[in-house]
N, C-alpha and C. Protein backbone atom coordinates (compact mmCIF):
# COMPACT_ATOMS: atom_id res chain seq x y z
N MET A 1 -91.22 163.81 -23.62
CA MET A 1 -89.84 163.56 -23.97
C MET A 1 -89.80 163.19 -25.46
N PRO A 2 -89.08 163.96 -26.25
CA PRO A 2 -89.01 163.66 -27.68
C PRO A 2 -88.23 162.38 -27.93
N ASN A 3 -88.71 161.60 -28.89
CA ASN A 3 -88.03 160.40 -29.33
C ASN A 3 -87.73 159.43 -28.18
N LEU A 4 -88.72 159.15 -27.38
CA LEU A 4 -88.56 158.27 -26.22
C LEU A 4 -88.10 156.87 -26.62
N LYS A 5 -88.64 156.37 -27.72
CA LYS A 5 -88.27 155.02 -28.14
C LYS A 5 -86.77 154.91 -28.43
N THR A 6 -86.20 155.92 -29.10
CA THR A 6 -84.77 155.93 -29.38
C THR A 6 -83.98 155.98 -28.09
N THR A 7 -84.42 156.81 -27.15
CA THR A 7 -83.75 156.91 -25.85
C THR A 7 -83.78 155.57 -25.13
N LEU A 8 -84.94 154.92 -25.12
CA LEU A 8 -85.07 153.64 -24.43
C LEU A 8 -84.21 152.55 -25.04
N LYS A 9 -84.07 152.56 -26.37
CA LYS A 9 -83.24 151.54 -27.02
C LYS A 9 -81.81 151.58 -26.52
N SER A 10 -81.33 152.76 -26.12
CA SER A 10 -79.95 152.86 -25.62
C SER A 10 -79.79 152.21 -24.25
N PHE A 11 -80.87 152.01 -23.51
CA PHE A 11 -80.81 151.37 -22.19
C PHE A 11 -80.81 149.85 -22.27
N PHE A 12 -81.43 149.32 -23.32
CA PHE A 12 -81.61 147.87 -23.41
C PHE A 12 -80.78 147.33 -24.55
N LYS A 13 -79.62 146.73 -24.20
CA LYS A 13 -78.66 146.29 -25.21
C LYS A 13 -78.54 144.77 -25.31
N PHE A 14 -79.04 144.06 -24.30
CA PHE A 14 -78.85 142.62 -24.28
C PHE A 14 -80.20 141.91 -24.14
N CYS A 15 -80.29 140.76 -24.73
CA CYS A 15 -81.52 139.95 -24.70
C CYS A 15 -81.76 139.44 -23.27
N PRO A 16 -82.95 139.70 -22.70
CA PRO A 16 -83.23 139.20 -21.35
C PRO A 16 -83.48 137.68 -21.34
N HIS A 17 -83.64 137.09 -22.53
CA HIS A 17 -83.88 135.65 -22.62
C HIS A 17 -82.57 134.85 -22.68
N CYS A 18 -81.64 135.26 -23.58
CA CYS A 18 -80.41 134.48 -23.76
C CYS A 18 -79.12 135.26 -23.49
N GLY A 19 -79.22 136.59 -23.31
CA GLY A 19 -78.05 137.39 -22.96
C GLY A 19 -77.22 137.90 -24.13
N LYS A 20 -77.58 137.55 -25.35
CA LYS A 20 -76.83 138.02 -26.52
C LYS A 20 -77.15 139.49 -26.80
N SER A 21 -76.28 140.15 -27.55
CA SER A 21 -76.51 141.55 -27.93
C SER A 21 -77.73 141.67 -28.83
N LEU A 22 -78.57 142.65 -28.54
CA LEU A 22 -79.76 142.88 -29.35
C LEU A 22 -79.39 143.64 -30.62
N GLY A 23 -80.06 143.34 -31.69
CA GLY A 23 -79.91 144.07 -32.94
C GLY A 23 -81.18 144.84 -33.23
N LEU A 24 -81.24 145.47 -34.37
CA LEU A 24 -82.43 146.21 -34.79
C LEU A 24 -83.05 145.52 -35.99
N LYS A 25 -84.40 145.52 -36.03
CA LYS A 25 -85.12 144.90 -37.13
C LYS A 25 -86.44 145.63 -37.33
N LYS A 26 -86.81 145.83 -38.57
CA LYS A 26 -88.11 146.46 -38.89
C LYS A 26 -89.20 145.41 -38.72
N ILE A 27 -90.19 145.74 -37.89
CA ILE A 27 -91.37 144.89 -37.68
C ILE A 27 -92.59 145.79 -37.78
N HIS A 28 -93.48 145.47 -38.70
CA HIS A 28 -94.70 146.27 -38.90
C HIS A 28 -94.38 147.75 -39.09
N GLY A 29 -93.30 148.03 -39.79
CA GLY A 29 -92.94 149.41 -40.10
C GLY A 29 -92.20 150.14 -38.99
N GLN A 30 -91.95 149.48 -37.87
CA GLN A 30 -91.25 150.09 -36.75
C GLN A 30 -89.92 149.37 -36.52
N THR A 31 -88.89 150.11 -36.14
CA THR A 31 -87.62 149.49 -35.82
C THR A 31 -87.65 149.05 -34.36
N GLU A 32 -87.42 147.75 -34.14
CA GLU A 32 -87.49 147.17 -32.79
C GLU A 32 -86.16 146.51 -32.44
N ARG A 33 -85.92 146.36 -31.14
CA ARG A 33 -84.77 145.61 -30.65
C ARG A 33 -85.13 144.13 -30.75
N VAL A 34 -84.28 143.36 -31.44
CA VAL A 34 -84.53 141.93 -31.65
C VAL A 34 -83.22 141.18 -31.41
N CYS A 35 -83.32 140.01 -30.79
CA CYS A 35 -82.15 139.16 -30.57
C CYS A 35 -81.90 138.32 -31.82
N PRO A 36 -80.72 138.47 -32.44
CA PRO A 36 -80.43 137.68 -33.63
C PRO A 36 -80.20 136.20 -33.30
N ALA A 37 -79.90 135.89 -32.04
CA ALA A 37 -79.63 134.50 -31.65
C ALA A 37 -80.91 133.70 -31.40
N CYS A 38 -81.84 134.26 -30.62
CA CYS A 38 -83.04 133.49 -30.25
C CYS A 38 -84.33 134.06 -30.83
N GLY A 39 -84.27 135.26 -31.41
CA GLY A 39 -85.46 135.85 -32.02
C GLY A 39 -86.34 136.64 -31.07
N PHE A 40 -85.94 136.76 -29.80
CA PHE A 40 -86.74 137.53 -28.83
C PHE A 40 -86.88 138.98 -29.32
N VAL A 41 -88.11 139.51 -29.25
CA VAL A 41 -88.36 140.91 -29.60
C VAL A 41 -88.56 141.67 -28.30
N PHE A 42 -87.76 142.71 -28.09
CA PHE A 42 -87.85 143.55 -26.89
C PHE A 42 -88.80 144.71 -27.20
N TRP A 43 -90.10 144.45 -27.00
CA TRP A 43 -91.12 145.47 -27.27
C TRP A 43 -91.02 146.59 -26.24
N LEU A 44 -91.08 147.81 -26.69
CA LEU A 44 -91.06 148.97 -25.80
C LEU A 44 -92.48 149.53 -25.73
N ASN A 45 -93.22 149.09 -24.72
CA ASN A 45 -94.62 149.46 -24.56
C ASN A 45 -94.79 150.45 -23.42
N SER A 46 -95.90 151.16 -23.47
CA SER A 46 -96.26 152.07 -22.37
C SER A 46 -96.63 151.28 -21.13
N LYS A 47 -96.33 151.86 -19.96
CA LYS A 47 -96.70 151.26 -18.68
C LYS A 47 -98.08 151.78 -18.28
N PRO A 48 -99.01 150.89 -17.91
CA PRO A 48 -100.36 151.34 -17.54
C PRO A 48 -100.43 151.89 -16.11
N THR A 49 -101.23 152.93 -15.95
CA THR A 49 -101.50 153.51 -14.63
C THR A 49 -103.00 153.72 -14.48
N ALA A 50 -103.44 153.94 -13.25
CA ALA A 50 -104.82 154.33 -12.97
C ALA A 50 -104.76 155.50 -11.99
N SER A 51 -105.54 156.55 -12.29
CA SER A 51 -105.55 157.76 -11.45
C SER A 51 -106.98 158.20 -11.19
N LEU A 52 -107.13 159.01 -10.14
CA LEU A 52 -108.45 159.42 -9.68
C LEU A 52 -108.64 160.93 -9.72
N LEU A 53 -109.77 161.33 -10.26
CA LEU A 53 -110.26 162.71 -10.15
C LEU A 53 -111.37 162.66 -9.10
N LEU A 54 -111.03 162.97 -7.86
CA LEU A 54 -112.00 162.96 -6.76
C LEU A 54 -112.50 164.39 -6.60
N VAL A 55 -113.79 164.59 -6.84
CA VAL A 55 -114.37 165.94 -6.89
C VAL A 55 -115.49 166.06 -5.88
N GLN A 56 -115.47 167.19 -5.15
CA GLN A 56 -116.55 167.54 -4.22
C GLN A 56 -116.69 169.05 -4.18
N LYS A 57 -117.90 169.54 -4.34
CA LYS A 57 -118.21 170.98 -4.24
C LYS A 57 -117.30 171.84 -5.12
N GLY A 58 -117.09 171.41 -6.36
CA GLY A 58 -116.29 172.19 -7.29
C GLY A 58 -114.79 172.16 -7.02
N GLN A 59 -114.36 171.25 -6.16
CA GLN A 59 -112.94 171.13 -5.85
C GLN A 59 -112.45 169.72 -6.17
N VAL A 60 -111.18 169.63 -6.50
CA VAL A 60 -110.56 168.34 -6.79
C VAL A 60 -109.47 168.08 -5.76
N LEU A 61 -109.35 166.82 -5.35
CA LEU A 61 -108.33 166.45 -4.37
C LEU A 61 -107.00 166.22 -5.09
N LEU A 62 -105.96 166.90 -4.61
CA LEU A 62 -104.61 166.71 -5.13
C LEU A 62 -103.70 166.22 -4.00
N ALA A 63 -102.71 165.43 -4.39
CA ALA A 63 -101.75 164.86 -3.43
C ALA A 63 -100.37 165.41 -3.75
N LYS A 64 -99.65 165.86 -2.73
CA LYS A 64 -98.29 166.35 -2.94
C LYS A 64 -97.33 165.16 -2.95
N ARG A 65 -96.50 165.08 -4.00
CA ARG A 65 -95.59 163.96 -4.19
C ARG A 65 -94.43 163.99 -3.19
N ALA A 66 -94.16 162.82 -2.59
CA ALA A 66 -93.05 162.69 -1.65
C ALA A 66 -91.79 162.14 -2.32
N ILE A 67 -91.93 161.71 -3.56
CA ILE A 67 -90.80 161.07 -4.26
C ILE A 67 -90.61 161.68 -5.64
N ASN A 68 -89.43 161.46 -6.19
CA ASN A 68 -89.17 161.84 -7.58
C ASN A 68 -89.72 160.76 -8.50
N PRO A 69 -90.07 161.09 -9.70
CA PRO A 69 -89.94 162.42 -10.30
C PRO A 69 -91.00 163.39 -9.78
N ASN A 70 -90.72 164.66 -9.93
CA ASN A 70 -91.64 165.74 -9.57
C ASN A 70 -91.95 165.82 -8.07
N LYS A 71 -90.97 165.46 -7.25
CA LYS A 71 -91.14 165.55 -5.80
C LYS A 71 -91.55 166.97 -5.42
N GLY A 72 -92.56 167.07 -4.53
CA GLY A 72 -93.04 168.37 -4.05
C GLY A 72 -94.11 169.00 -4.92
N GLU A 73 -94.40 168.41 -6.07
CA GLU A 73 -95.47 168.94 -6.92
C GLU A 73 -96.78 168.23 -6.63
N TRP A 74 -97.87 168.88 -7.01
CA TRP A 74 -99.20 168.31 -6.82
C TRP A 74 -99.48 167.28 -7.90
N ASP A 75 -100.17 166.23 -7.51
CA ASP A 75 -100.42 165.09 -8.39
C ASP A 75 -101.86 164.61 -8.17
N LEU A 76 -102.40 163.95 -9.16
CA LEU A 76 -103.67 163.24 -8.95
C LEU A 76 -103.32 161.89 -8.35
N PRO A 77 -104.05 161.45 -7.32
CA PRO A 77 -103.71 160.18 -6.69
C PRO A 77 -103.87 159.02 -7.67
N GLY A 78 -102.99 158.04 -7.54
CA GLY A 78 -103.03 156.86 -8.39
C GLY A 78 -101.63 156.32 -8.56
N GLY A 79 -101.47 155.40 -9.51
CA GLY A 79 -100.15 154.86 -9.73
C GLY A 79 -100.13 153.74 -10.74
N PHE A 80 -98.98 153.08 -10.83
CA PHE A 80 -98.77 152.01 -11.81
C PHE A 80 -99.58 150.77 -11.45
N LEU A 81 -100.09 150.12 -12.48
CA LEU A 81 -100.82 148.86 -12.29
C LEU A 81 -99.82 147.71 -12.15
N GLU A 82 -100.22 146.71 -11.39
CA GLU A 82 -99.44 145.48 -11.29
C GLU A 82 -99.72 144.63 -12.53
N ILE A 83 -98.89 143.65 -12.79
CA ILE A 83 -99.12 142.78 -13.93
C ILE A 83 -100.46 142.06 -13.77
N ASP A 84 -101.25 142.02 -14.83
CA ASP A 84 -102.57 141.38 -14.87
C ASP A 84 -103.60 142.03 -13.93
N GLU A 85 -103.36 143.25 -13.49
CA GLU A 85 -104.30 143.94 -12.59
C GLU A 85 -105.25 144.80 -13.42
N ARG A 86 -106.54 144.64 -13.19
CA ARG A 86 -107.54 145.47 -13.87
C ARG A 86 -107.41 146.91 -13.38
N PRO A 87 -107.61 147.88 -14.26
CA PRO A 87 -107.47 149.28 -13.83
C PRO A 87 -108.33 149.66 -12.63
N GLU A 88 -109.56 149.16 -12.57
CA GLU A 88 -110.45 149.50 -11.45
C GLU A 88 -109.89 148.97 -10.13
N LYS A 89 -109.34 147.76 -10.16
CA LYS A 89 -108.74 147.17 -8.94
C LYS A 89 -107.46 147.91 -8.57
N GLY A 90 -106.65 148.23 -9.57
CA GLY A 90 -105.43 148.97 -9.31
C GLY A 90 -105.71 150.35 -8.74
N LEU A 91 -106.76 150.99 -9.24
CA LEU A 91 -107.16 152.30 -8.71
C LEU A 91 -107.50 152.17 -7.23
N GLN A 92 -108.35 151.21 -6.89
CA GLN A 92 -108.74 151.04 -5.48
C GLN A 92 -107.51 150.76 -4.60
N ARG A 93 -106.61 149.92 -5.09
CA ARG A 93 -105.39 149.59 -4.33
C ARG A 93 -104.53 150.83 -4.12
N GLU A 94 -104.27 151.56 -5.20
CA GLU A 94 -103.44 152.77 -5.10
C GLU A 94 -104.07 153.82 -4.18
N ILE A 95 -105.38 153.99 -4.26
CA ILE A 95 -106.06 154.99 -3.43
C ILE A 95 -106.01 154.58 -1.96
N ARG A 96 -106.17 153.29 -1.70
CA ARG A 96 -106.04 152.80 -0.31
C ARG A 96 -104.62 153.05 0.20
N GLU A 97 -103.60 152.76 -0.65
CA GLU A 97 -102.20 152.93 -0.25
C GLU A 97 -101.84 154.40 -0.04
N GLU A 98 -102.32 155.29 -0.90
CA GLU A 98 -101.92 156.70 -0.84
C GLU A 98 -102.81 157.56 0.04
N LEU A 99 -104.10 157.26 0.09
CA LEU A 99 -105.05 158.14 0.79
C LEU A 99 -105.74 157.48 1.98
N GLY A 100 -105.70 156.16 2.08
CA GLY A 100 -106.34 155.45 3.18
C GLY A 100 -107.85 155.38 3.08
N ILE A 101 -108.41 155.54 1.87
CA ILE A 101 -109.86 155.54 1.70
C ILE A 101 -110.27 154.51 0.65
N ARG A 102 -111.57 154.31 0.54
CA ARG A 102 -112.14 153.46 -0.51
C ARG A 102 -113.05 154.33 -1.37
N ILE A 103 -112.86 154.27 -2.67
CA ILE A 103 -113.65 155.06 -3.60
C ILE A 103 -114.97 154.35 -3.88
N ILE A 104 -116.05 155.13 -3.92
CA ILE A 104 -117.38 154.61 -4.22
C ILE A 104 -117.74 154.98 -5.67
N ARG A 105 -118.16 154.00 -6.42
CA ARG A 105 -118.64 154.17 -7.80
C ARG A 105 -117.72 155.01 -8.70
N PRO A 106 -116.46 154.64 -8.83
CA PRO A 106 -115.62 155.39 -9.78
C PRO A 106 -116.10 155.10 -11.20
N THR A 107 -116.14 156.13 -12.03
CA THR A 107 -116.54 155.96 -13.42
C THR A 107 -115.39 156.35 -14.33
N PHE A 108 -115.28 155.64 -15.42
CA PHE A 108 -114.22 155.91 -16.39
C PHE A 108 -114.34 157.35 -16.88
N PHE A 109 -113.20 158.05 -16.91
CA PHE A 109 -113.19 159.45 -17.38
C PHE A 109 -112.44 159.60 -18.70
N GLY A 110 -111.26 158.98 -18.82
CA GLY A 110 -110.50 159.12 -20.06
C GLY A 110 -109.14 158.45 -19.98
N ILE A 111 -108.48 158.42 -21.12
CA ILE A 111 -107.13 157.86 -21.23
C ILE A 111 -106.21 158.94 -21.78
N TYR A 112 -105.06 159.10 -21.14
CA TYR A 112 -104.09 160.12 -21.53
C TYR A 112 -102.70 159.48 -21.57
N LEU A 113 -101.96 159.77 -22.63
CA LEU A 113 -100.59 159.28 -22.73
C LEU A 113 -99.67 160.23 -21.97
N GLY A 114 -98.58 159.70 -21.44
CA GLY A 114 -97.66 160.55 -20.70
C GLY A 114 -96.26 159.98 -20.66
N HIS A 115 -95.41 160.68 -19.91
CA HIS A 115 -94.02 160.25 -19.71
C HIS A 115 -93.70 160.33 -18.23
N TYR A 116 -92.89 159.39 -17.78
CA TYR A 116 -92.46 159.31 -16.39
C TYR A 116 -90.94 159.38 -16.40
N ALA A 117 -90.39 160.41 -15.82
CA ALA A 117 -88.95 160.70 -15.89
C ALA A 117 -88.16 159.86 -14.89
N SER A 118 -88.08 158.57 -15.16
CA SER A 118 -87.28 157.67 -14.34
C SER A 118 -86.06 157.26 -15.16
N THR A 119 -85.24 156.38 -14.62
CA THR A 119 -84.10 155.86 -15.37
C THR A 119 -84.27 154.35 -15.48
N PRO A 120 -84.57 153.84 -16.65
CA PRO A 120 -84.81 154.56 -17.89
C PRO A 120 -86.16 155.25 -17.86
N PRO A 121 -86.36 156.25 -18.72
CA PRO A 121 -87.66 156.92 -18.77
C PRO A 121 -88.73 155.95 -19.25
N GLN A 122 -89.97 156.25 -18.91
CA GLN A 122 -91.07 155.37 -19.27
C GLN A 122 -92.18 156.15 -19.95
N ALA A 123 -92.77 155.55 -20.97
CA ALA A 123 -94.00 156.07 -21.54
C ALA A 123 -95.13 155.49 -20.69
N THR A 124 -96.17 156.26 -20.45
CA THR A 124 -97.28 155.78 -19.62
C THR A 124 -98.60 155.85 -20.39
N PHE A 125 -99.47 154.93 -20.07
CA PHE A 125 -100.83 154.83 -20.61
C PHE A 125 -101.73 154.99 -19.40
N ASN A 126 -102.29 156.20 -19.21
CA ASN A 126 -102.93 156.58 -17.95
C ASN A 126 -104.45 156.54 -18.07
N VAL A 127 -105.07 155.67 -17.28
CA VAL A 127 -106.52 155.54 -17.25
C VAL A 127 -107.03 156.34 -16.05
N TYR A 128 -107.93 157.30 -16.33
CA TYR A 128 -108.46 158.17 -15.27
C TYR A 128 -109.90 157.82 -14.96
N TYR A 129 -110.22 157.90 -13.66
CA TYR A 129 -111.57 157.67 -13.18
C TYR A 129 -112.04 158.90 -12.41
N LEU A 130 -113.34 159.10 -12.41
CA LEU A 130 -113.97 160.22 -11.70
C LEU A 130 -114.86 159.66 -10.61
N SER A 131 -114.80 160.26 -9.43
CA SER A 131 -115.70 159.89 -8.34
C SER A 131 -115.99 161.10 -7.48
N THR A 132 -117.13 161.06 -6.82
CA THR A 132 -117.52 162.13 -5.89
C THR A 132 -117.76 161.59 -4.49
N HIS A 133 -117.60 160.28 -4.31
CA HIS A 133 -117.88 159.67 -3.01
C HIS A 133 -116.76 158.72 -2.59
N PHE A 134 -116.54 158.68 -1.27
CA PHE A 134 -115.56 157.74 -0.71
C PHE A 134 -115.94 157.44 0.73
N THR A 135 -115.37 156.35 1.24
CA THR A 135 -115.53 156.02 2.66
C THR A 135 -114.16 156.03 3.31
N GLY A 136 -114.13 156.34 4.59
CA GLY A 136 -112.88 156.39 5.33
C GLY A 136 -112.44 157.82 5.55
N THR A 137 -111.29 157.97 6.17
CA THR A 137 -110.73 159.27 6.49
C THR A 137 -109.49 159.51 5.64
N LEU A 138 -109.50 160.62 4.92
CA LEU A 138 -108.35 160.96 4.08
C LEU A 138 -107.12 161.18 4.94
N LYS A 139 -106.04 160.50 4.57
CA LYS A 139 -104.78 160.65 5.29
C LYS A 139 -103.64 160.37 4.32
N PRO A 140 -102.69 161.32 4.15
CA PRO A 140 -101.58 161.07 3.22
C PRO A 140 -100.72 159.90 3.71
N GLN A 141 -100.42 158.98 2.80
CA GLN A 141 -99.65 157.80 3.13
C GLN A 141 -98.73 157.45 1.96
N ASP A 142 -97.92 156.44 2.11
CA ASP A 142 -97.09 155.89 1.05
C ASP A 142 -96.18 156.97 0.45
N ASP A 143 -96.40 157.37 -0.79
CA ASP A 143 -95.52 158.34 -1.44
C ASP A 143 -96.17 159.72 -1.57
N VAL A 144 -97.01 160.05 -0.58
CA VAL A 144 -97.73 161.33 -0.54
C VAL A 144 -97.40 162.05 0.76
N THR A 145 -97.05 163.35 0.69
CA THR A 145 -96.74 164.10 1.92
C THR A 145 -97.93 164.87 2.46
N SER A 146 -98.82 165.32 1.56
CA SER A 146 -99.99 166.05 2.02
C SER A 146 -101.09 165.98 0.97
N LEU A 147 -102.31 166.29 1.42
CA LEU A 147 -103.49 166.29 0.57
C LEU A 147 -104.18 167.63 0.71
N ALA A 148 -104.79 168.09 -0.38
CA ALA A 148 -105.54 169.35 -0.30
C ALA A 148 -106.59 169.38 -1.40
N TRP A 149 -107.73 169.98 -1.04
CA TRP A 149 -108.80 170.22 -2.02
C TRP A 149 -108.49 171.55 -2.70
N HIS A 150 -108.57 171.55 -4.02
CA HIS A 150 -108.28 172.76 -4.80
C HIS A 150 -109.46 173.09 -5.70
N PRO A 151 -109.89 174.36 -5.70
CA PRO A 151 -110.95 174.75 -6.64
C PRO A 151 -110.47 174.54 -8.08
N LEU A 152 -111.31 173.99 -8.91
CA LEU A 152 -110.93 173.74 -10.30
C LEU A 152 -110.58 175.03 -11.03
N LYS A 153 -111.11 176.13 -10.57
CA LYS A 153 -110.82 177.43 -11.21
C LYS A 153 -109.48 178.01 -10.75
N ARG A 154 -108.91 177.49 -9.65
CA ARG A 154 -107.65 178.02 -9.12
C ARG A 154 -106.72 176.88 -8.71
N LEU A 155 -106.26 176.15 -9.69
CA LEU A 155 -105.36 175.03 -9.42
C LEU A 155 -103.94 175.56 -9.20
N PRO A 156 -103.14 174.83 -8.43
CA PRO A 156 -101.75 175.26 -8.22
C PRO A 156 -100.98 175.22 -9.54
N LYS A 157 -99.91 176.02 -9.60
CA LYS A 157 -99.09 176.08 -10.81
C LYS A 157 -98.28 174.81 -11.02
N LYS A 158 -97.78 174.22 -9.95
CA LYS A 158 -96.90 173.05 -10.08
C LYS A 158 -97.71 171.76 -9.94
N ILE A 159 -98.25 171.30 -11.07
CA ILE A 159 -98.95 170.02 -11.12
C ILE A 159 -98.08 169.05 -11.91
N ALA A 160 -97.77 167.93 -11.28
CA ALA A 160 -96.89 166.93 -11.90
C ALA A 160 -97.55 166.31 -13.12
N PHE A 161 -96.78 166.16 -14.17
CA PHE A 161 -97.13 165.40 -15.36
C PHE A 161 -98.15 166.08 -16.27
N ALA A 162 -97.78 166.16 -17.53
CA ALA A 162 -98.63 166.79 -18.55
C ALA A 162 -99.98 166.07 -18.68
N ASN A 163 -100.01 164.76 -18.50
CA ASN A 163 -101.27 164.02 -18.60
C ASN A 163 -102.23 164.43 -17.50
N ASN A 164 -101.73 164.73 -16.29
CA ASN A 164 -102.60 165.23 -15.21
C ASN A 164 -103.16 166.60 -15.56
N ARG A 165 -102.31 167.47 -16.08
CA ARG A 165 -102.77 168.82 -16.44
C ARG A 165 -103.86 168.75 -17.51
N GLN A 166 -103.69 167.84 -18.48
CA GLN A 166 -104.71 167.70 -19.53
C GLN A 166 -106.00 167.13 -18.95
N ALA A 167 -105.91 166.14 -18.09
CA ALA A 167 -107.11 165.55 -17.47
C ALA A 167 -107.85 166.60 -16.65
N LEU A 168 -107.12 167.45 -15.93
CA LEU A 168 -107.77 168.51 -15.14
C LEU A 168 -108.44 169.56 -16.05
N ARG A 169 -107.80 169.90 -17.17
CA ARG A 169 -108.45 170.82 -18.13
C ARG A 169 -109.74 170.20 -18.65
N ASP A 170 -109.69 168.93 -19.01
CA ASP A 170 -110.88 168.25 -19.52
C ASP A 170 -111.95 168.12 -18.44
N LEU A 171 -111.55 167.94 -17.20
CA LEU A 171 -112.52 167.87 -16.10
C LEU A 171 -113.28 169.18 -15.96
N ARG A 172 -112.56 170.31 -16.04
CA ARG A 172 -113.24 171.62 -15.97
C ARG A 172 -114.29 171.76 -17.05
N VAL A 173 -113.94 171.36 -18.27
CA VAL A 173 -114.89 171.43 -19.40
C VAL A 173 -116.07 170.49 -19.14
N PHE A 174 -115.79 169.28 -18.69
CA PHE A 174 -116.81 168.29 -18.44
C PHE A 174 -117.82 168.77 -17.37
N LEU A 175 -117.32 169.37 -16.31
CA LEU A 175 -118.21 169.80 -15.21
C LEU A 175 -118.99 171.06 -15.56
N LYS A 176 -118.58 171.81 -16.57
CA LYS A 176 -119.34 173.00 -17.00
C LYS A 176 -120.59 172.63 -17.80
N ARG A 177 -120.63 171.40 -18.30
CA ARG A 177 -121.77 170.96 -19.13
C ARG A 177 -123.03 170.90 -18.34
């Protein structure tokens, strides 16, 4: 989404601390929403997520989204982190909620920036992990309608989120090494 920060500023007009109208002020070279009454700065930061690249026999597990945005498209399992939640713990929690399994030895794969088309829209900071082992029985749950293993060479056309598509491209390159 082009100019996300400008779009977000239009959603947040009042100080969450004292309720006065927010103004604009340059801080560290960036224009930020600031309360002229109490000095509160309304920082517009990316929301952290953790996602999983679960790979077995040259295939990656994808989950079909049950909710918007991108309802009905294929997604990598994962989701938003809770406040003060470590990415590894958030990954395990999200995977348990969405797939009903426990991941064994997830390893850090990469970080990808993205956008989440909600109201208001959100910038995301997506931490990806790679694993080839899990315990339990895969079962779609929570905000997932179905699960399927897809060959990395023949991924579906409708994959939710540009950050997922980039992570999958990088995974193909990584596994060819």
